[in-house]
Amino acid sequence: MSQVFSEETHRNLLSRIPQCTGREVSDWLRMVDDGPSLFRFEEKVSWLRGEHGLAYGHAKAIIHEYDLRRAARKLT
């Protein structure tokens, strides 16, 4: 998992995604889950950017959040 943003920056990016994209973060996470089976972090970011026209920072924040939540599911 690749994270370059601080936790605060990550949370700020996530909070702005709905107003910038018109979709909730949960909608984006579902799209990633239903999307192609890509393994590498940057491949997923590139897919979101190319397929849905997201800015790099937003796409990276969504994939990072997706990976965090997926890891949390494995721990429970």
N, C-alpha and C. Protein backbone atom coordinates (compact mmCIF):
# COMPACT_ATOMS: atom_id res chain seq x y z
N MET A 1 0.85 -1.16 0.00
CA MET A 1 0.00 0.00 0.00
C MET A 1 0.90 1.23 0.00
N SER A 2 0.58 2.16 -0.86
CA SER A 2 1.40 3.35 -0.99
C SER A 2 0.65 4.55 -0.44
N GLN A 3 1.24 5.24 0.51
CA GLN A 3 0.65 6.46 1.02
C GLN A 3 1.72 7.53 1.10
N VAL A 4 1.50 8.59 0.35
CA VAL A 4 2.42 9.71 0.39
C VAL A 4 1.80 10.83 1.21
N PHE A 5 0.47 10.88 1.25
CA PHE A 5 -0.24 11.92 1.98
C PHE A 5 -0.20 11.65 3.48
N SER A 6 -0.21 12.72 4.26
CA SER A 6 -0.38 12.57 5.70
C SER A 6 -1.82 12.13 5.95
N GLU A 7 -2.07 11.63 7.15
CA GLU A 7 -3.43 11.21 7.50
C GLU A 7 -4.40 12.39 7.39
N GLU A 8 -3.97 13.55 7.82
CA GLU A 8 -4.83 14.75 7.75
C GLU A 8 -5.16 15.11 6.30
N THR A 9 -4.16 15.08 5.43
CA THR A 9 -4.38 15.37 4.02
C THR A 9 -5.32 14.34 3.40
N HIS A 10 -5.12 13.09 3.75
CA HIS A 10 -5.99 12.02 3.25
C HIS A 10 -7.44 12.29 3.64
N ARG A 11 -7.69 12.61 4.89
CA ARG A 11 -9.06 12.88 5.37
C ARG A 11 -9.63 14.12 4.67
N ASN A 12 -8.81 15.15 4.48
CA ASN A 12 -9.28 16.36 3.79
C ASN A 12 -9.67 16.06 2.34
N LEU A 13 -8.84 15.27 1.66
CA LEU A 13 -9.17 14.88 0.28
C LEU A 13 -10.47 14.10 0.24
N LEU A 14 -10.63 13.13 1.15
CA LEU A 14 -11.86 12.34 1.17
C LEU A 14 -13.08 13.22 1.41
N SER A 15 -12.95 14.19 2.29
CA SER A 15 -14.11 15.04 2.60
C SER A 15 -14.52 15.91 1.41
N ARG A 16 -13.60 16.21 0.51
CA ARG A 16 -13.91 17.04 -0.66
C ARG A 16 -14.38 16.24 -1.86
N ILE A 17 -14.21 14.94 -1.85
CA ILE A 17 -14.56 14.12 -3.01
C ILE A 17 -16.03 14.26 -3.42
N PRO A 18 -16.99 14.20 -2.49
CA PRO A 18 -18.40 14.34 -2.92
C PRO A 18 -18.69 15.64 -3.66
N GLN A 19 -18.19 16.77 -3.18
CA GLN A 19 -18.49 18.03 -3.85
C GLN A 19 -17.73 18.16 -5.16
N CYS A 20 -16.56 17.55 -5.26
CA CYS A 20 -15.76 17.65 -6.50
C CYS A 20 -16.22 16.67 -7.58
N THR A 21 -16.74 15.53 -7.16
CA THR A 21 -17.09 14.48 -8.13
C THR A 21 -18.59 14.26 -8.29
N GLY A 22 -19.37 14.74 -7.32
CA GLY A 22 -20.81 14.50 -7.37
C GLY A 22 -21.21 13.13 -6.86
N ARG A 23 -20.25 12.38 -6.34
CA ARG A 23 -20.52 11.04 -5.81
C ARG A 23 -19.90 10.90 -4.44
N GLU A 24 -20.54 10.12 -3.60
CA GLU A 24 -20.04 9.85 -2.26
C GLU A 24 -18.83 8.92 -2.33
N VAL A 25 -17.99 8.98 -1.31
CA VAL A 25 -16.82 8.10 -1.24
C VAL A 25 -17.27 6.64 -1.28
N SER A 26 -18.36 6.30 -0.60
CA SER A 26 -18.86 4.92 -0.60
C SER A 26 -19.19 4.44 -2.01
N ASP A 27 -19.71 5.35 -2.86
CA ASP A 27 -19.98 4.99 -4.25
C ASP A 27 -18.69 4.66 -4.99
N TRP A 28 -17.67 5.47 -4.77
CA TRP A 28 -16.37 5.23 -5.42
C TRP A 28 -15.75 3.92 -4.93
N LEU A 29 -15.86 3.64 -3.63
CA LEU A 29 -15.30 2.40 -3.10
C LEU A 29 -16.01 1.19 -3.70
N ARG A 30 -17.31 1.30 -3.89
CA ARG A 30 -18.07 0.22 -4.52
C ARG A 30 -17.64 0.02 -5.97
N MET A 31 -17.38 1.14 -6.67
CA MET A 31 -16.91 1.04 -8.06
C MET A 31 -15.57 0.33 -8.14
N VAL A 32 -14.68 0.65 -7.21
CA VAL A 32 -13.37 -0.02 -7.19
C VAL A 32 -13.58 -1.51 -6.92
N ASP A 33 -14.45 -1.83 -5.99
CA ASP A 33 -14.72 -3.23 -5.66
C ASP A 33 -15.30 -3.99 -6.85
N ASP A 34 -16.16 -3.33 -7.62
CA ASP A 34 -16.80 -3.95 -8.78
C ASP A 34 -15.97 -3.82 -10.06
N GLY A 35 -14.89 -3.04 -9.99
CA GLY A 35 -14.07 -2.78 -11.18
C GLY A 35 -13.17 -3.95 -11.53
N PRO A 36 -12.25 -3.70 -12.44
CA PRO A 36 -11.34 -4.77 -12.88
C PRO A 36 -10.43 -5.24 -11.75
N SER A 37 -9.99 -6.46 -11.85
CA SER A 37 -9.11 -7.06 -10.82
C SER A 37 -7.68 -6.61 -11.03
N LEU A 38 -7.40 -5.43 -10.57
CA LEU A 38 -6.05 -4.88 -10.65
C LEU A 38 -5.37 -5.09 -9.31
N PHE A 39 -4.08 -5.36 -9.32
CA PHE A 39 -3.38 -5.68 -8.08
C PHE A 39 -2.56 -4.52 -7.53
N ARG A 40 -1.91 -3.80 -8.41
CA ARG A 40 -1.01 -2.74 -7.95
C ARG A 40 -1.77 -1.45 -7.67
N PHE A 41 -1.33 -0.73 -6.64
CA PHE A 41 -1.95 0.52 -6.22
C PHE A 41 -2.06 1.50 -7.39
N GLU A 42 -0.96 1.73 -8.07
CA GLU A 42 -0.95 2.72 -9.16
C GLU A 42 -1.81 2.28 -10.34
N GLU A 43 -1.96 0.99 -10.56
CA GLU A 43 -2.87 0.52 -11.62
C GLU A 43 -4.31 0.90 -11.29
N LYS A 44 -4.68 0.75 -10.04
CA LYS A 44 -6.04 1.12 -9.62
C LYS A 44 -6.26 2.62 -9.74
N VAL A 45 -5.25 3.40 -9.34
CA VAL A 45 -5.34 4.85 -9.46
C VAL A 45 -5.48 5.24 -10.93
N SER A 46 -4.68 4.66 -11.79
CA SER A 46 -4.75 4.96 -13.23
C SER A 46 -6.10 4.57 -13.81
N TRP A 47 -6.65 3.45 -13.36
CA TRP A 47 -7.97 3.03 -13.84
C TRP A 47 -9.03 4.07 -13.47
N LEU A 48 -9.04 4.51 -12.21
CA LEU A 48 -10.02 5.53 -11.79
C LEU A 48 -9.85 6.82 -12.60
N ARG A 49 -8.63 7.22 -12.80
CA ARG A 49 -8.37 8.45 -13.55
C ARG A 49 -8.82 8.32 -15.00
N GLY A 50 -8.46 7.21 -15.64
CA GLY A 50 -8.79 7.03 -17.05
C GLY A 50 -10.26 6.73 -17.29
N GLU A 51 -10.83 5.89 -16.48
CA GLU A 51 -12.22 5.46 -16.66
C GLU A 51 -13.22 6.51 -16.20
N HIS A 52 -12.88 7.23 -15.13
CA HIS A 52 -13.85 8.15 -14.52
C HIS A 52 -13.39 9.60 -14.49
N GLY A 53 -12.20 9.89 -15.01
CA GLY A 53 -11.73 11.26 -15.12
C GLY A 53 -11.42 11.94 -13.79
N LEU A 54 -11.07 11.17 -12.78
CA LEU A 54 -10.75 11.76 -11.49
C LEU A 54 -9.37 12.41 -11.49
N ALA A 55 -9.21 13.41 -10.65
CA ALA A 55 -7.90 14.01 -10.43
C ALA A 55 -7.02 12.98 -9.72
N TYR A 56 -5.72 13.10 -9.90
CA TYR A 56 -4.79 12.14 -9.32
C TYR A 56 -4.93 12.04 -7.80
N GLY A 57 -4.99 13.16 -7.11
CA GLY A 57 -5.10 13.15 -5.65
C GLY A 57 -6.36 12.48 -5.16
N HIS A 58 -7.49 12.73 -5.83
CA HIS A 58 -8.74 12.10 -5.43
C HIS A 58 -8.69 10.59 -5.68
N ALA A 59 -8.18 10.21 -6.84
CA ALA A 59 -8.09 8.78 -7.16
C ALA A 59 -7.18 8.07 -6.17
N LYS A 60 -6.08 8.69 -5.82
CA LYS A 60 -5.14 8.09 -4.88
C LYS A 60 -5.76 7.97 -3.49
N ALA A 61 -6.50 8.99 -3.07
CA ALA A 61 -7.17 8.95 -1.76
C ALA A 61 -8.23 7.85 -1.73
N ILE A 62 -8.97 7.68 -2.81
CA ILE A 62 -10.00 6.64 -2.87
C ILE A 62 -9.36 5.26 -2.78
N ILE A 63 -8.31 5.02 -3.54
CA ILE A 63 -7.67 3.71 -3.52
C ILE A 63 -7.01 3.46 -2.16
N HIS A 64 -6.42 4.47 -1.58
CA HIS A 64 -5.83 4.29 -0.24
C HIS A 64 -6.91 3.93 0.77
N GLU A 65 -8.04 4.62 0.71
CA GLU A 65 -9.15 4.32 1.63
C GLU A 65 -9.68 2.92 1.38
N TYR A 66 -9.78 2.54 0.12
CA TYR A 66 -10.23 1.19 -0.23
C TYR A 66 -9.30 0.14 0.39
N ASP A 67 -8.00 0.35 0.25
CA ASP A 67 -7.03 -0.59 0.81
C ASP A 67 -7.09 -0.63 2.34
N LEU A 68 -7.27 0.53 2.97
CA LEU A 68 -7.40 0.57 4.43
C LEU A 68 -8.61 -0.24 4.90
N ARG A 69 -9.73 -0.03 4.23
CA ARG A 69 -10.96 -0.73 4.63
C ARG A 69 -10.87 -2.23 4.34
N ARG A 70 -10.24 -2.59 3.24
CA ARG A 70 -10.06 -4.00 2.91
C ARG A 70 -9.18 -4.68 3.96
N ALA A 71 -8.13 -4.00 4.36
CA ALA A 71 -7.23 -4.56 5.39
C ALA A 71 -7.97 -4.69 6.72
N ALA A 72 -8.82 -3.73 7.05
CA ALA A 72 -9.58 -3.79 8.31
C ALA A 72 -10.55 -4.98 8.30
N ARG A 73 -11.13 -5.27 7.14
CA ARG A 73 -12.05 -6.42 7.03
C ARG A 73 -11.31 -7.72 7.27
N LYS A 74 -10.08 -7.80 6.83
CA LYS A 74 -9.30 -9.04 7.01
C LYS A 74 -8.93 -9.26 8.46
N LEU A 75 -8.82 -8.18 9.24
CA LEU A 75 -8.45 -8.31 10.63
C LEU A 75 -9.61 -8.75 11.52
N THR A 76 -10.82 -8.52 11.07
CA THR A 76 -11.98 -8.87 11.90
C THR A 76 -12.50 -10.24 11.60
